Amino acid sequence: MGRLNRGPNGPFSGKAGSVIGSSWRGIYYIKGLQKTITKARSPLQLEQQKRFALAVKFLYQRKNVLDMGFSTINPRGATGYNMAISHFLRYSIKGSYPNYEINYPAVVFTLGNLTLPEDIKMELNGMTLKLKWSTESDNRHAFANDQLCFLIYYPKLNIFQPDIEEISRSLGETELVLNDTALGDIPQVYIYLLKENGKKWSNSLFLGALEVEG
């Protein structure tokens, strides 16, 4: 793969014969066409492919959060999403090929310096999820106007609940109504804190799984 500098006619883009011109993050490249693979994949390649597919299927839906939440870990210009994929592959898959499963308590969406509230309690009443937490903290990485953000995943349909309005840490409690798709499912609940200016955040926290009757 070769790197292109912009000439008087601009960068080359598209296919020309056996080469393709493309760009990534403002850097332009040329590369040869991918060769057709005729050799059967090895067992290790099949395992890696299966694990990667599981990671992408789950994480891509919250790519925007991951790009932010892992953005401080970017060796050689890797995106936050790419680093989140790497973390997921290493820590958040259980089982053996081909029956891999997500280890939900080990999933991480954000890595940051803000301090999460203490004494967080979660309670499900029908379809209403109630959450309470301590508002007292003398930690220099905790602020009253930090915003509490939810990530709620429904395994059966492989979807996340639509973005939920952020809740101020200073409130100490909140409640929200689960999506109707939660009926008969076991939603997985995560939270993280986001500073008001959006430039700082906490580690994400797995609060637990909910069994919704239906």
Protein backbone atom coordinates (compact mmCIF):
# COMPACT_ATOMS: atom_id res chain seq x y z
CA MET A 1 0.00 0.00 0.00
CA GLY A 2 1.41 3.38 -0.99
CA ARG A 3 0.69 6.82 0.43
CA LEU A 4 -0.24 9.69 -1.88
CA ASN A 5 0.52 13.37 -1.56
CA ARG A 6 -2.00 15.74 -3.07
CA GLY A 7 -0.89 16.86 -6.47
CA PRO A 8 -2.23 19.71 -8.65
CA ASN A 9 -5.17 17.56 -9.74
CA GLY A 10 -6.08 16.38 -6.25
CA PRO A 11 -5.90 12.87 -4.80
CA PHE A 12 -6.69 9.73 -6.78
CA SER A 13 -9.88 7.98 -5.70
CA GLY A 14 -11.63 4.89 -7.02
CA LYS A 15 -10.57 1.86 -9.03
CA ALA A 16 -8.14 1.96 -11.92
CA GLY A 17 -7.03 -1.41 -13.29
CA SER A 18 -5.54 -3.46 -10.49
CA VAL A 19 -5.27 -0.61 -7.96
CA ILE A 20 -7.72 1.30 -5.77
CA GLY A 21 -7.35 4.85 -4.46
CA SER A 22 -8.87 5.56 -1.07
CA SER A 23 -8.51 7.74 2.03
CA TRP A 24 -8.59 7.33 5.81
CA ARG A 25 -8.61 10.28 8.22
CA GLY A 26 -7.45 12.68 5.51
CA ILE A 27 -4.55 10.48 4.35
CA TYR A 28 -4.76 9.16 0.80
CA TYR A 29 -3.54 5.70 -0.24
CA ILE A 30 -3.35 3.38 -3.21
CA LYS A 31 -3.54 -0.37 -2.78
CA GLY A 32 -3.88 -3.45 -4.94
CA LEU A 33 -7.13 -5.34 -5.36
CA GLN A 34 -7.74 -7.97 -2.71
CA LYS A 35 -6.87 -11.45 -3.88
CA THR A 36 -9.56 -14.12 -3.87
CA ILE A 37 -9.00 -16.55 -1.00
CA THR A 38 -9.26 -20.15 -2.16
CA LYS A 39 -7.53 -21.84 0.78
CA ALA A 40 -9.82 -23.08 3.55
CA ARG A 41 -9.63 -21.07 6.77
CA SER A 42 -7.86 -22.66 9.70
CA PRO A 43 -9.73 -23.49 12.93
CA LEU A 44 -8.03 -20.53 14.62
CA GLN A 45 -9.13 -18.17 11.83
CA LEU A 46 -12.70 -19.43 12.10
CA GLU A 47 -12.66 -18.85 15.87
CA GLN A 48 -11.31 -15.33 15.48
CA GLN A 49 -13.88 -14.56 12.77
CA LYS A 50 -16.73 -15.75 14.99
CA ARG A 51 -15.51 -13.73 17.98
CA PHE A 52 -15.05 -10.59 15.89
CA ALA A 53 -18.53 -10.92 14.36
CA LEU A 54 -20.05 -11.15 17.84
CA ALA A 55 -18.15 -8.05 18.97
CA VAL A 56 -19.22 -5.95 15.99
CA LYS A 57 -22.86 -7.09 16.14
CA PHE A 58 -23.10 -5.95 19.76
CA LEU A 59 -20.88 -2.86 19.89
CA TYR A 60 -21.51 -1.11 16.57
CA GLN A 61 -24.91 0.11 17.75
CA ARG A 62 -23.16 2.32 20.31
CA LYS A 63 -20.16 3.27 18.21
CA ASN A 64 -20.62 6.95 19.08
CA VAL A 65 -20.26 6.22 22.81
CA LEU A 66 -17.26 3.95 22.25
CA ASP A 67 -15.46 6.45 20.05
CA MET A 68 -15.70 8.86 22.98
CA GLY A 69 -15.26 6.41 25.83
CA PHE A 70 -12.05 4.81 24.53
CA SER A 71 -10.67 7.90 22.78
CA THR A 72 -7.84 8.38 25.27
CA ILE A 73 -6.44 4.96 24.32
CA ASN A 74 -5.40 5.41 20.73
CA PRO A 75 -2.01 3.90 19.86
CA ARG A 76 -0.99 4.67 16.28
CA GLY A 77 -4.17 6.63 15.66
CA ALA A 78 -6.65 3.83 16.36
CA THR A 79 -10.22 5.01 16.91
CA GLY A 80 -12.00 4.62 20.24
CA TYR A 81 -14.32 2.11 18.59
CA ASN A 82 -11.40 -0.01 17.42
CA MET A 83 -9.91 -0.01 20.92
CA ALA A 84 -13.30 -0.98 22.37
CA ILE A 85 -13.47 -3.93 19.96
CA SER A 86 -10.01 -5.02 21.10
CA HIS A 87 -11.02 -4.75 24.77
CA PHE A 88 -14.25 -6.69 24.14
CA LEU A 89 -12.42 -9.51 22.34
CA ARG A 90 -10.00 -9.84 25.22
CA TYR A 91 -12.33 -9.61 28.21
CA SER A 92 -16.01 -9.84 27.29
CA ILE A 93 -16.53 -13.15 25.48
CA LYS A 94 -17.14 -16.48 27.16
CA GLY A 95 -17.71 -20.00 25.91
CA SER A 96 -15.96 -21.98 23.22
CA TYR A 97 -16.23 -22.08 19.44
CA PRO A 98 -18.77 -21.94 17.90
CA ASN A 99 -20.97 -21.20 20.93
CA TYR A 100 -19.55 -17.89 22.08
CA GLU A 101 -21.59 -15.65 24.39
CA ILE A 102 -21.24 -12.12 25.70
CA ASN A 103 -19.97 -11.85 29.27
CA TYR A 104 -22.18 -8.86 30.07
CA PRO A 105 -20.66 -7.88 33.45
CA ALA A 106 -17.26 -7.61 31.76
CA VAL A 107 -18.40 -5.29 28.95
CA VAL A 108 -16.95 -1.77 29.09
CA PHE A 109 -18.32 1.18 27.10
CA THR A 110 -16.29 4.04 28.59
CA LEU A 111 -12.99 4.48 30.43
CA GLY A 112 -12.61 7.83 32.19
CA ASN A 113 -11.67 9.77 35.30
CA LEU A 114 -15.03 10.95 36.62
CA THR A 115 -16.06 9.17 39.81
CA LEU A 116 -19.33 7.25 39.78
CA PRO A 117 -21.84 7.81 42.62
CA GLU A 118 -21.67 5.54 45.63
CA ASP A 119 -24.42 3.28 46.93
CA ILE A 120 -26.26 2.85 43.61
CA LYS A 121 -29.50 0.89 43.98
CA MET A 122 -31.61 -0.43 41.09
CA GLU A 123 -35.20 -1.67 41.38
CA LEU A 124 -37.66 -2.86 38.73
CA ASN A 125 -41.38 -2.32 39.32
CA GLY A 126 -43.39 -3.63 36.39
CA MET A 127 -41.88 -1.86 33.39
CA THR A 128 -40.51 1.04 35.42
CA LEU A 129 -36.84 0.98 36.36
CA LYS A 130 -35.97 3.02 39.45
CA LEU A 131 -32.46 4.09 40.33
CA LYS A 132 -31.14 5.81 43.47
CA TRP A 133 -27.61 6.91 44.37
CA SER A 134 -25.70 9.00 46.88
CA THR A 135 -25.16 12.64 45.92
CA GLU A 136 -22.49 13.21 48.56
CA SER A 137 -18.86 13.16 47.46
CA ASP A 138 -15.71 15.03 48.34
CA ASN A 139 -13.86 13.51 45.40
CA ARG A 140 -12.25 16.06 43.07
CA HIS A 141 -13.46 14.00 40.11
CA ALA A 142 -17.15 14.27 41.04
CA PHE A 143 -19.36 17.25 40.19
CA ALA A 144 -23.01 17.99 40.97
CA ASN A 145 -23.82 18.73 37.32
CA ASP A 146 -22.35 15.47 35.98
CA GLN A 147 -24.87 13.74 33.74
CA LEU A 148 -25.89 10.11 34.34
CA CYS A 149 -26.26 8.20 31.07
CA PHE A 150 -28.00 4.82 30.60
CA LEU A 151 -27.19 2.02 28.18
CA ILE A 152 -29.86 -0.71 28.20
CA TYR A 153 -29.42 -3.71 25.91
CA TYR A 154 -32.10 -6.24 24.91
CA PRO A 155 -30.35 -9.54 24.01
CA LYS A 156 -33.22 -11.32 22.25
CA LEU A 157 -33.58 -8.64 19.59
CA ASN A 158 -29.98 -7.40 19.76
CA ILE A 159 -31.01 -3.77 20.24
CA PHE A 160 -30.30 -0.99 22.70
CA GLN A 161 -33.04 1.16 24.15
CA PRO A 162 -33.11 4.49 22.28
CA ASP A 163 -30.97 7.19 23.85
CA ILE A 164 -32.33 8.26 27.21
CA GLU A 165 -32.27 11.84 28.45
CA GLU A 166 -29.25 12.43 30.67
CA ILE A 167 -29.95 12.81 34.39
CA SER A 168 -28.06 15.16 36.71
CA ARG A 169 -25.99 13.50 39.45
CA SER A 170 -27.38 16.04 41.93
CA LEU A 171 -30.92 14.58 41.67
CA GLY A 172 -29.97 11.40 43.49
CA GLU A 173 -32.68 9.33 41.82
CA THR A 174 -34.51 8.77 38.58
CA GLU A 175 -36.89 6.36 36.90
CA LEU A 176 -37.56 5.37 33.33
CA VAL A 177 -39.98 3.13 31.47
CA LEU A 178 -38.44 0.21 29.63
CA ASN A 179 -39.05 -0.35 25.96
CA ASP A 180 -41.95 -2.74 25.19
CA THR A 181 -39.43 -5.12 23.64
CA ALA A 182 -38.24 -5.84 27.20
CA LEU A 183 -41.24 -8.12 27.74
CA GLY A 184 -39.93 -11.65 28.08
CA ASP A 185 -36.34 -10.48 27.67
CA ILE A 186 -33.49 -9.99 30.14
CA PRO A 187 -32.27 -6.39 29.64
CA GLN A 188 -28.66 -5.66 30.58
CA VAL A 189 -28.24 -2.28 32.27
CA TYR A 190 -25.13 -0.06 32.21
CA ILE A 191 -24.49 3.54 33.25
CA TYR A 192 -21.70 6.07 32.91
CA LEU A 193 -21.22 9.73 33.85
CA LEU A 194 -20.59 12.53 31.40
CA LYS A 195 -19.35 15.97 32.42
CA GLU A 196 -21.59 18.82 31.32
CA ASN A 197 -19.12 20.02 28.67
CA GLY A 198 -18.80 16.48 27.32
CA LYS A 199 -15.01 16.46 27.66
CA LYS A 200 -14.78 14.09 30.63
CA TRP A 201 -16.55 10.87 31.54
CA SER A 202 -16.41 7.98 33.98
CA ASN A 203 -15.83 4.29 33.56
CA SER A 204 -19.04 2.56 32.59
CA LEU A 205 -20.65 0.36 35.22
CA PHE A 206 -22.71 -2.80 34.77
CA LEU A 207 -25.69 -2.53 37.13
CA GLY A 208 -27.16 -5.96 36.42
CA ALA A 209 -29.69 -7.93 34.42
CA LEU A 210 -33.45 -7.43 34.69
CA GLU A 211 -36.03 -10.17 34.31
CA VAL A 212 -39.13 -8.66 32.78
CA GLU A 213 -42.22 -10.82 32.90
CA GLY A 214 -44.35 -10.94 29.84
